[in-house]
PDB file of N, CA and C in Angstrom:
ATOM      1  N   MET A   1       8.774  -5.665  35.004  1.00  0.00           N
ATOM      2  CA  MET A   1       8.365  -6.046  33.671  1.00  0.00           C
ATOM      3  C   MET A   1       9.472  -6.865  33.021  1.00  0.00           C
ATOM      4  N   GLY A   2       9.030  -7.787  32.182  1.00  0.00           N
ATOM      5  CA  GLY A   2       9.982  -8.644  31.492  1.00  0.00           C
ATOM      6  C   GLY A   2      10.687  -7.914  30.366  1.00  0.00           C
ATOM      7  N   LYS A   3      11.661  -8.577  29.832  1.00  0.00           N
ATOM      8  CA  LYS A   3      12.471  -7.991  28.773  1.00  0.00           C
ATOM      9  C   LYS A   3      11.647  -7.664  27.517  1.00  0.00           C
ATOM     10  N   HIS A   4      10.636  -8.476  27.219  1.00  0.00           N
ATOM     11  CA  HIS A   4       9.877  -8.299  25.992  1.00  0.00           C
ATOM     12  C   HIS A   4       8.466  -7.769  26.222  1.00  0.00           C
ATOM     13  N   SER A   5       8.243  -7.099  27.303  1.00  0.00           N
ATOM     14  CA  SER A   5       6.920  -6.570  27.597  1.00  0.00           C
ATOM     15  C   SER A   5       6.601  -5.383  26.696  1.00  0.00           C
ATOM     16  N   ARG A   6       5.340  -5.238  26.357  1.00  0.00           N
ATOM     17  CA  ARG A   6       4.891  -4.104  25.558  1.00  0.00           C
ATOM     18  C   ARG A   6       4.909  -2.859  26.432  1.00  0.00           C
ATOM     19  N   PRO A   7       5.480  -1.758  25.939  1.00  0.00           N
ATOM     20  CA  PRO A   7       5.488  -0.537  26.739  1.00  0.00           C
ATOM     21  C   PRO A   7       4.091   0.068  26.811  1.00  0.00           C
ATOM     22  N   GLY A   8       3.851   0.811  27.835  1.00  0.00           N
ATOM     23  CA  GLY A   8       2.579   1.492  27.977  1.00  0.00           C
ATOM     24  C   GLY A   8       1.729   0.878  29.071  1.00  0.00           C
ATOM     25  N   PRO A   9       0.626   1.539  29.381  1.00  0.00           N
ATOM     26  CA  PRO A   9      -0.252   1.052  30.443  1.00  0.00           C
ATOM     27  C   PRO A   9      -0.857  -0.309  30.088  1.00  0.00           C
ATOM     28  N   PRO A  10      -1.028  -1.168  31.074  1.00  0.00           N
ATOM     29  CA  PRO A  10      -1.566  -2.505  30.794  1.00  0.00           C
ATOM     30  C   PRO A  10      -3.050  -2.503  30.427  1.00  0.00           C
ATOM     31  N   ASN A  11      -3.754  -1.406  30.644  1.00  0.00           N
ATOM     32  CA  ASN A  11      -5.180  -1.368  30.334  1.00  0.00           C
ATOM     33  C   ASN A  11      -5.459  -0.940  28.895  1.00  0.00           C
ATOM     34  N   GLN A  12      -4.424  -0.677  28.080  1.00  0.00           N
ATOM     35  CA  GLN A  12      -4.612  -0.301  26.685  1.00  0.00           C
ATOM     36  C   GLN A  12      -4.404  -1.522  25.789  1.00  0.00           C
ATOM     37  N   PRO A  13      -5.235  -1.663  24.752  1.00  0.00           N
ATOM     38  CA  PRO A  13      -5.038  -2.796  23.840  1.00  0.00           C
ATOM     39  C   PRO A  13      -3.768  -2.610  23.018  1.00  0.00           C
ATOM     40  N   SER A  14      -3.210  -3.691  22.597  1.00  0.00           N
ATOM     41  CA  SER A  14      -2.010  -3.637  21.782  1.00  0.00           C
ATOM     42  C   SER A  14      -2.332  -3.031  20.428  1.00  0.00           C
ATOM     43  N   ARG A  15      -1.431  -2.182  19.927  1.00  0.00           N
ATOM     44  CA  ARG A  15      -1.626  -1.591  18.603  1.00  0.00           C
ATOM     45  C   ARG A  15      -1.105  -2.516  17.511  1.00  0.00           C
ATOM     46  N   ALA A  16      -0.424  -3.603  17.885  1.00  0.00           N
ATOM     47  CA  ALA A  16       0.139  -4.517  16.906  1.00  0.00           C
ATOM     48  C   ALA A  16      -0.928  -5.406  16.283  1.00  0.00           C
ATOM     49  N   VAL A  17      -2.044  -5.597  16.947  1.00  0.00           N
ATOM     50  CA  VAL A  17      -3.105  -6.466  16.447  1.00  0.00           C
ATOM     51  C   VAL A  17      -4.199  -5.586  15.840  1.00  0.00           C
ATOM     52  N   PRO A  18      -4.454  -5.723  14.532  1.00  0.00           N
ATOM     53  CA  PRO A  18      -5.499  -4.891  13.926  1.00  0.00           C
ATOM     54  C   PRO A  18      -6.876  -5.273  14.428  1.00  0.00           C
ATOM     55  N   ARG A  19      -7.736  -4.291  14.510  1.00  0.00           N
ATOM     56  CA  ARG A  19      -9.096  -4.539  14.966  1.00  0.00           C
ATOM     57  C   ARG A  19      -9.943  -5.051  13.809  1.00  0.00           C
ATOM     58  N   VAL A  20     -10.781  -6.038  14.088  1.00  0.00           N
ATOM     59  CA  VAL A  20     -11.674  -6.611  13.100  1.00  0.00           C
ATOM     60  C   VAL A  20     -13.089  -6.458  13.625  1.00  0.00           C
ATOM     61  N   ASN A  21     -14.003  -5.999  12.781  1.00  0.00           N
ATOM     62  CA  ASN A  21     -15.389  -5.809  13.168  1.00  0.00           C
ATOM     63  C   ASN A  21     -16.021  -7.172  13.450  1.00  0.00           C
ATOM     64  N   ALA A  22     -16.431  -7.409  14.678  1.00  0.00           N
ATOM     65  CA  ALA A  22     -17.004  -8.699  15.072  1.00  0.00           C
ATOM     66  C   ALA A  22     -18.371  -8.929  14.451  1.00  0.00           C
ATOM     67  N   ASP A  23     -19.083  -7.860  14.067  1.00  0.00           N
ATOM     68  CA  ASP A  23     -20.410  -8.001  13.487  1.00  0.00           C
ATOM     69  C   ASP A  23     -20.379  -8.367  12.002  1.00  0.00           C
ATOM     70  N   ASP A  24     -19.270  -8.148  11.353  1.00  0.00           N
ATOM     71  CA  ASP A  24     -19.151  -8.424   9.923  1.00  0.00           C
ATOM     72  C   ASP A  24     -18.487  -9.783   9.723  1.00  0.00           C
ATOM     73  N   PRO A  25     -19.201 -10.777   9.173  1.00  0.00           N
ATOM     74  CA  PRO A  25     -18.603 -12.103   9.008  1.00  0.00           C
ATOM     75  C   PRO A  25     -17.474 -12.128   7.975  1.00  0.00           C
ATOM     76  N   LEU A  26     -17.404 -11.144   7.084  1.00  0.00           N
ATOM     77  CA  LEU A  26     -16.356 -11.119   6.067  1.00  0.00           C
ATOM     78  C   LEU A  26     -15.234 -10.138   6.391  1.00  0.00           C
ATOM     79  N   ALA A  27     -15.195  -9.641   7.605  1.00  0.00           N
ATOM     80  CA  ALA A  27     -14.212  -8.614   7.962  1.00  0.00           C
ATOM     81  C   ALA A  27     -12.777  -9.105   7.792  1.00  0.00           C
ATOM     82  N   ALA A  28     -12.486 -10.313   8.242  1.00  0.00           N
ATOM     83  CA  ALA A  28     -11.116 -10.828   8.124  1.00  0.00           C
ATOM     84  C   ALA A  28     -10.740 -11.016   6.652  1.00  0.00           C
ATOM     85  N   TYR A  29     -11.681 -11.481   5.853  1.00  0.00           N
ATOM     86  CA  TYR A  29     -11.437 -11.667   4.426  1.00  0.00           C
ATOM     87  C   TYR A  29     -11.182 -10.320   3.745  1.00  0.00           C
ATOM     88  N   ASN A  30     -12.005  -9.331   4.040  1.00  0.00           N
ATOM     89  CA  ASN A  30     -11.836  -8.015   3.440  1.00  0.00           C
ATOM     90  C   ASN A  30     -10.524  -7.378   3.854  1.00  0.00           C
ATOM     91  N   LYS A  31     -10.087  -7.615   5.081  1.00  0.00           N
ATOM     92  CA  LYS A  31      -8.820  -7.059   5.544  1.00  0.00           C
ATOM     93  C   LYS A  31      -7.652  -7.639   4.755  1.00  0.00           C
ATOM     94  N   ARG A  32      -7.713  -8.918   4.425  1.00  0.00           N
ATOM     95  CA  ARG A  32      -6.631  -9.542   3.662  1.00  0.00           C
ATOM     96  C   ARG A  32      -6.587  -9.043   2.224  1.00  0.00           C
ATOM     97  N   ARG A  33      -7.679  -8.497   1.722  1.00  0.00           N
ATOM     98  CA  ARG A  33      -7.716  -8.017   0.346  1.00  0.00           C
ATOM     99  C   ARG A  33      -7.186  -6.598   0.198  1.00  0.00           C
ATOM    100  N   ARG A  34      -6.887  -5.938   1.305  1.00  0.00           N
ATOM    101  CA  ARG A  34      -6.326  -4.594   1.223  1.00  0.00           C
ATOM    102  C   ARG A  34      -4.878  -4.676   0.776  1.00  0.00           C
ATOM    103  N   PRO A  35      -4.405  -3.683   0.028  1.00  0.00           N
ATOM    104  CA  PRO A  35      -3.009  -3.709  -0.419  1.00  0.00           C
ATOM    105  C   PRO A  35      -2.057  -3.454   0.744  1.00  0.00           C
ATOM    106  N   PRO A  36      -0.810  -3.883   0.593  1.00  0.00           N
ATOM    107  CA  PRO A  36       0.176  -3.617   1.640  1.00  0.00           C
ATOM    108  C   PRO A  36       0.295  -2.119   1.901  1.00  0.00           C
ATOM    109  N   MET A  37       0.223  -1.742   3.133  1.00  0.00           N
ATOM    110  CA  MET A  37       0.346  -0.353   3.579  1.00  0.00           C
ATOM    111  C   MET A  37      -0.661   0.563   2.891  1.00  0.00           C
ATOM    112  N   ASP A  38      -1.790   0.025   2.437  1.00  0.00           N
ATOM    113  CA  ASP A  38      -2.863   0.796   1.793  1.00  0.00           C
ATOM    114  C   ASP A  38      -2.383   1.608   0.598  1.00  0.00           C
ATOM    115  N   ILE A  39      -1.459   1.063  -0.168  1.00  0.00           N
ATOM    116  CA  ILE A  39      -0.966   1.717  -1.374  1.00  0.00           C
ATOM    117  C   ILE A  39      -1.625   1.028  -2.563  1.00  0.00           C
ATOM    118  N   TYR A  40      -2.584   1.726  -3.214  1.00  0.00           N
ATOM    119  CA  TYR A  40      -3.308   1.147  -4.334  1.00  0.00           C
ATOM    120  C   TYR A  40      -2.569   1.309  -5.656  1.00  0.00           C
ATOM    121  N   ARG A  41      -1.757   2.321  -5.769  1.00  0.00           N
ATOM    122  CA  ARG A  41      -0.972   2.544  -6.985  1.00  0.00           C
ATOM    123  C   ARG A  41       0.485   2.734  -6.612  1.00  0.00           C
ATOM    124  N   ARG A  42       1.372   2.184  -7.457  1.00  0.00           N
ATOM    125  CA  ARG A  42       2.801   2.369  -7.235  1.00  0.00           C
ATOM    126  C   ARG A  42       3.509   2.358  -8.581  1.00  0.00           C
ATOM    127  N   HIS A  43       4.757   2.800  -8.590  1.00  0.00           N
ATOM    128  CA  HIS A  43       5.563   2.786  -9.805  1.00  0.00           C
ATOM    129  C   HIS A  43       6.912   2.196  -9.492  1.00  0.00           C
ATOM    130  N   ARG A  44       7.484   1.535 -10.498  1.00  0.00           N
ATOM    131  CA  ARG A  44       8.794   0.901 -10.373  1.00  0.00           C
ATOM    132  C   ARG A  44       9.630   1.268 -11.601  1.00  0.00           C
ATOM    133  N   PRO A  45      10.947   1.428 -11.446  1.00  0.00           N
ATOM    134  CA  PRO A  45      11.797   1.660 -12.611  1.00  0.00           C
ATOM    135  C   PRO A  45      11.745   0.442 -13.548  1.00  0.00           C
ATOM    136  N   VAL A  46      11.747   0.663 -14.850  1.00  0.00           N
ATOM    137  CA  VAL A  46      11.664  -0.427 -15.821  1.00  0.00           C
ATOM    138  C   VAL A  46      12.837  -1.383 -15.661  1.00  0.00           C
ATOM    139  N   HIS A  47      14.024  -0.859 -15.452  1.00  0.00           N
ATOM    140  CA  HIS A  47      15.220  -1.695 -15.385  1.00  0.00           C
ATOM    141  C   HIS A  47      15.632  -2.023 -13.954  1.00  0.00           C
ATOM    142  N   GLY A  48      14.740  -1.835 -12.982  1.00  0.00           N
ATOM    143  CA  GLY A  48      15.037  -2.159 -11.597  1.00  0.00           C
ATOM    144  C   GLY A  48      15.852  -1.072 -10.922  1.00  0.00           C
ATOM    145  N   GLY A  49      16.213  -1.332  -9.698  1.00  0.00           N
ATOM    146  CA  GLY A  49      16.992  -0.370  -8.943  1.00  0.00           C
ATOM    147  C   GLY A  49      16.116   0.500  -8.061  1.00  0.00           C
ATOM    148  N   ALA A  50      16.725   1.470  -7.448  1.00  0.00           N
ATOM    149  CA  ALA A  50      16.014   2.366  -6.533  1.00  0.00           C
ATOM    150  C   ALA A  50      15.097   3.298  -7.309  1.00  0.00           C
ATOM    151  N   GLY A  51      13.917   3.564  -6.757  1.00  0.00           N
ATOM    152  CA  GLY A  51      12.916   4.364  -7.438  1.00  0.00           C
ATOM    153  C   GLY A  51      13.279   5.829  -7.602  1.00  0.00           C
ATOM    154  N   HIS A  52      14.144   6.350  -6.739  1.00  0.00           N
ATOM    155  CA  HIS A  52      14.461   7.776  -6.800  1.00  0.00           C
ATOM    156  C   HIS A  52      15.676   8.076  -7.677  1.00  0.00           C
ATOM    157  N   LEU A  53      16.377   7.049  -8.111  1.00  0.00           N
ATOM    158  CA  LEU A  53      17.556   7.252  -8.949  1.00  0.00           C
ATOM    159  C   LEU A  53      17.156   7.304 -10.421  1.00  0.00           C
ATOM    160  N   ARG A  54      17.936   7.964 -11.227  1.00  0.00           N
ATOM    161  CA  ARG A  54      17.715   8.081 -12.670  1.00  0.00           C
ATOM    162  C   ARG A  54      16.287   8.532 -12.973  1.00  0.00           C
ATOM    163  N   PRO A  55      15.919   9.763 -12.604  1.00  0.00           N
ATOM    164  CA  PRO A  55      14.543  10.229 -12.752  1.00  0.00           C
ATOM    165  C   PRO A  55      14.075  10.366 -14.206  1.00  0.00           C
ATOM    166  N   ASP A  56      14.987  10.318 -15.170  1.00  0.00           N
ATOM    167  CA  ASP A  56      14.580  10.467 -16.568  1.00  0.00           C
ATOM    168  C   ASP A  56      14.263   9.140 -17.243  1.00  0.00           C
ATOM    169  N   GLU A  57      14.427   8.015 -16.553  1.00  0.00           N
ATOM    170  CA  GLU A  57      14.151   6.709 -17.148  1.00  0.00           C
ATOM    171  C   GLU A  57      12.665   6.358 -17.004  1.00  0.00           C
ATOM    172  N   PRO A  58      12.146   5.502 -17.892  1.00  0.00           N
ATOM    173  CA  PRO A  58      10.719   5.122 -17.836  1.00  0.00           C
ATOM    174  C   PRO A  58      10.380   4.305 -16.595  1.00  0.00           C
ATOM    175  N   ARG A  59       9.104   4.341 -16.219  1.00  0.00           N
ATOM    176  CA  ARG A  59       8.597   3.639 -15.034  1.00  0.00           C
ATOM    177  C   ARG A  59       7.436   2.733 -15.415  1.00  0.00           C
ATOM    178  N   VAL A  60       7.317   1.620 -14.715  1.00  0.00           N
ATOM    179  CA  VAL A  60       6.177   0.722 -14.856  1.00  0.00           C
ATOM    180  C   VAL A  60       5.142   1.145 -13.818  1.00  0.00           C
ATOM    181  N   LEU A  61       3.891   1.326 -14.248  1.00  0.00           N
ATOM    182  CA  LEU A  61       2.813   1.720 -13.339  1.00  0.00           C
ATOM    183  C   LEU A  61       2.029   0.479 -12.943  1.00  0.00           C
ATOM    184  N   GLU A  62       1.810   0.296 -11.637  1.00  0.00           N
ATOM    185  CA  GLU A  62       1.114  -0.878 -11.127  1.00  0.00           C
ATOM    186  C   GLU A  62      -0.056  -0.449 -10.251  1.00  0.00           C
ATOM    187  N   GLU A  63      -1.147  -1.235 -10.322  1.00  0.00           N
ATOM    188  CA  GLU A  63      -2.351  -0.934  -9.548  1.00  0.00           C
ATOM    189  C   GLU A  63      -2.808  -2.205  -8.847  1.00  0.00           C
ATOM    190  N   TRP A  64      -3.286  -2.067  -7.609  1.00  0.00           N
ATOM    191  CA  TRP A  64      -3.750  -3.183  -6.791  1.00  0.00           C
ATOM    192  C   TRP A  64      -5.103  -3.671  -7.307  1.00  0.00           C
ATOM    193  N   ASP A  65      -5.266  -5.006  -7.476  1.00  0.00           N
ATOM    194  CA  ASP A  65      -6.520  -5.561  -7.984  1.00  0.00           C
ATOM    195  C   ASP A  65      -7.202  -6.485  -6.970  1.00  0.00           C
ATOM    196  N   ASP A  66      -7.051  -6.208  -5.695  1.00  0.00           N
ATOM    197  CA  ASP A  66      -7.606  -6.977  -4.576  1.00  0.00           C
ATOM    198  C   ASP A  66      -6.887  -8.299  -4.348  1.00  0.00           C
ATOM    199  N   PHE A  67      -5.807  -8.567  -5.092  1.00  0.00           N
ATOM    200  CA  PHE A  67      -5.030  -9.774  -4.850  1.00  0.00           C
ATOM    201  C   PHE A  67      -3.542  -9.512  -5.001  1.00  0.00           C
ATOM    202  N   THR A  68      -3.171  -8.810  -6.060  1.00  0.00           N
ATOM    203  CA  THR A  68      -1.775  -8.507  -6.319  1.00  0.00           C
ATOM    204  C   THR A  68      -1.695  -7.228  -7.152  1.00  0.00           C
ATOM    205  N   TYR A  69      -0.489  -6.730  -7.347  1.00  0.00           N
ATOM    206  CA  TYR A  69      -0.305  -5.560  -8.199  1.00  0.00           C
ATOM    207  C   TYR A  69      -0.254  -6.011  -9.662  1.00  0.00           C
ATOM    208  N   GLN A  70      -1.011  -5.318 -10.525  1.00  0.00           N
ATOM    209  CA  GLN A  70      -1.041  -5.608 -11.954  1.00  0.00           C
ATOM    210  C   GLN A  70      -0.472  -4.415 -12.710  1.00  0.00           C
ATOM    211  N   VAL A  71       0.308  -4.693 -13.746  1.00  0.00           N
ATOM    212  CA  VAL A  71       0.864  -3.631 -14.584  1.00  0.00           C
ATOM    213  C   VAL A  71      -0.262  -3.029 -15.406  1.00  0.00           C
ATOM    214  N   VAL A  72      -0.397  -1.699 -15.354  1.00  0.00           N
ATOM    215  CA  VAL A  72      -1.456  -1.016 -16.099  1.00  0.00           C
ATOM    216  C   VAL A  72      -0.915  -0.022 -17.118  1.00  0.00           C
ATOM    217  N   GLY A  73       0.390   0.158 -17.154  1.00  0.00           N
ATOM    218  CA  GLY A  73       0.946   1.087 -18.131  1.00  0.00           C
ATOM    219  C   GLY A  73       2.370   1.467 -17.802  1.00  0.00           C
ATOM    220  N   THR A  74       2.848   2.469 -18.521  1.00  0.00           N
ATOM    221  CA  THR A  74       4.193   2.987 -18.288  1.00  0.00           C
ATOM    222  C   THR A  74       4.142   4.507 -18.240  1.00  0.00           C
ATOM    223  N   ALA A  75       5.163   5.072 -17.657  1.00  0.00           N
ATOM    224  CA  ALA A  75       5.320   6.528 -17.609  1.00  0.00           C
ATOM    225  C   ALA A  75       6.711   6.856 -18.145  1.00  0.00           C
ATOM    226  N   PRO A  76       6.862   7.969 -18.835  1.00  0.00           N
ATOM    227  CA  PRO A  76       8.159   8.294 -19.444  1.00  0.00           C
ATOM    228  C   PRO A  76       9.246   8.682 -18.446  1.00  0.00           C
ATOM    229  N   ASN A  77       8.842   9.151 -17.252  1.00  0.00           N
ATOM    230  CA  ASN A  77       9.843   9.575 -16.273  1.00  0.00           C
ATOM    231  C   ASN A  77       9.256   9.535 -14.858  1.00  0.00           C
ATOM    232  N   LEU A  78      10.069   9.841 -13.880  1.00  0.00           N
ATOM    233  CA  LEU A  78       9.657   9.791 -12.474  1.00  0.00           C
ATOM    234  C   LEU A  78       8.544  10.787 -12.169  1.00  0.00           C
ATOM    235  N   ALA A  79       8.629  12.000 -12.708  1.00  0.00           N
ATOM    236  CA  ALA A  79       7.620  13.020 -12.408  1.00  0.00           C
ATOM    237  C   ALA A  79       6.237  12.591 -12.899  1.00  0.00           C
ATOM    238  N   ALA A  80       6.163  12.027 -14.086  1.00  0.00           N
ATOM    239  CA  ALA A  80       4.874  11.572 -14.622  1.00  0.00           C
ATOM    240  C   ALA A  80       4.341  10.396 -13.805  1.00  0.00           C
ATOM    241  N   ALA A  81       5.218   9.508 -13.365  1.00  0.00           N
ATOM    242  CA  ALA A  81       4.796   8.363 -12.551  1.00  0.00           C
ATOM    243  C   ALA A  81       4.259   8.833 -11.205  1.00  0.00           C
ATOM    244  N   GLN A  82       4.922   9.783 -10.576  1.00  0.00           N
ATOM    245  CA  GLN A  82       4.445  10.293  -9.292  1.00  0.00           C
ATOM    246  C   GLN A  82       3.114  11.011  -9.445  1.00  0.00           C
ATOM    247  N   GLU A  83       2.932  11.719 -10.542  1.00  0.00           N
ATOM    248  CA  GLU A  83       1.656  12.389 -10.794  1.00  0.00           C
ATOM    249  C   GLU A  83       0.532  11.360 -10.923  1.00  0.00           C
ATOM    250  N   TRP A  84       0.790  10.265 -11.625  1.00  0.00           N
ATOM    251  CA  TRP A  84      -0.213   9.202 -11.780  1.00  0.00           C
ATOM    252  C   TRP A  84      -0.545   8.562 -10.437  1.00  0.00           C
ATOM    253  N   VAL A  85       0.459   8.300  -9.619  1.00  0.00           N
ATOM    254  CA  VAL A  85       0.236   7.695  -8.302  1.00  0.00           C
ATOM    255  C   VAL A  85      -0.602   8.609  -7.424  1.00  0.00           C
ATOM    256  N   ASN A  86      -0.361   9.905  -7.503  1.00  0.00           N
ATOM    257  CA  ASN A  86      -1.036  10.866  -6.635  1.00  0.00           C
ATOM    258  C   ASN A  86      -2.404  11.306  -7.136  1.00  0.00           C
ATOM    259  N   GLU A  87      -2.863  10.773  -8.267  1.00  0.00           N
ATOM    260  CA  GLU A  87      -4.204  11.104  -8.749  1.00  0.00           C
ATOM    261  C   GLU A  87      -5.265  10.649  -7.759  1.00  0.00           C
ATOM    262  N   LEU A  88      -5.036   9.518  -7.111  1.00  0.00           N
ATOM    263  CA  LEU A  88      -5.957   9.045  -6.079  1.00  0.00           C
ATOM    264  C   LEU A  88      -5.668   9.783  -4.789  1.00  0.00           C
ATOM    265  N   GLN A  89      -6.712  10.275  -4.153  1.00  0.00           N
ATOM    266  CA  GLN A  89      -6.530  10.948  -2.878  1.00  0.00           C
ATOM    267  C   GLN A  89      -6.399   9.905  -1.769  1.00  0.00           C
ATOM    268  N   ILE A  90      -5.849  10.286  -0.662  1.00  0.00           N
ATOM    269  CA  ILE A  90      -5.675   9.377   0.477  1.00  0.00           C
ATOM    270  C   ILE A  90      -7.042   8.857   0.909  1.00  0.00           C
ATOM    271  N   GLY A  91      -7.145   7.553   1.046  1.00  0.00           N
ATOM    272  CA  GLY A  91      -8.389   6.939   1.477  1.00  0.00           C
ATOM    273  C   GLY A  91      -9.296   6.531   0.331  1.00  0.00           C
ATOM    274  N   ASP A  92      -9.037   7.018  -0.883  1.00  0.00           N
ATOM    275  CA  ASP A  92      -9.842   6.631  -2.038  1.00  0.00           C
ATOM    276  C   ASP A  92      -9.403   5.272  -2.540  1.00  0.00           C
ATOM    277  N   GLU A  93     -10.356   4.498  -3.043  1.00  0.00           N
ATOM    278  CA  GLU A  93     -10.022   3.253  -3.693  1.00  0.00           C
ATOM    279  C   GLU A  93     -10.254   3.439  -5.194  1.00  0.00           C
ATOM    280  N   PRO A  94      -9.449   2.789  -6.021  1.00  0.00           N
ATOM    281  CA  PRO A  94      -9.639   2.942  -7.464  1.00  0.00           C
ATOM    282  C   PRO A  94     -10.977   2.350  -7.902  1.00  0.00           C
ATOM    283  N   ALA A  95     -11.538   2.909  -8.952  1.00  0.00           N
ATOM    284  CA  ALA A  95     -12.802   2.370  -9.487  1.00  0.00           C
ATOM    285  C   ALA A  95     -12.546   1.008 -10.101  1.00  0.00           C
ATOM    286  N   ALA A  96     -13.362   0.048  -9.725  1.00  0.00           N
ATOM    287  CA  ALA A  96     -13.140  -1.317 -10.216  1.00  0.00           C
ATOM    288  C   ALA A  96     -13.880  -1.566 -11.501  1.00  0.00           C
TER     289      ALA A  96
END
């Protein structure tokens, strides 16, 4: 095997290439509209920096709108921001 060969049996498809439904003509388009790493809600510190530092400072709340993250509010501290992010269960999409 070459230096850059994919590990594993040659009869398995590569996991690096996402699967697209061949029957759906809009599958590639819909895939591009998903948020990075399937994170629909996130929070950022107001003054920048690492998210886990200074837990008592306010946070900016952002939500995915099928194109980019939009600011939807603020939270007074890290605990409130994490609670807001976790309101959506895994696999749920926000109501549009």
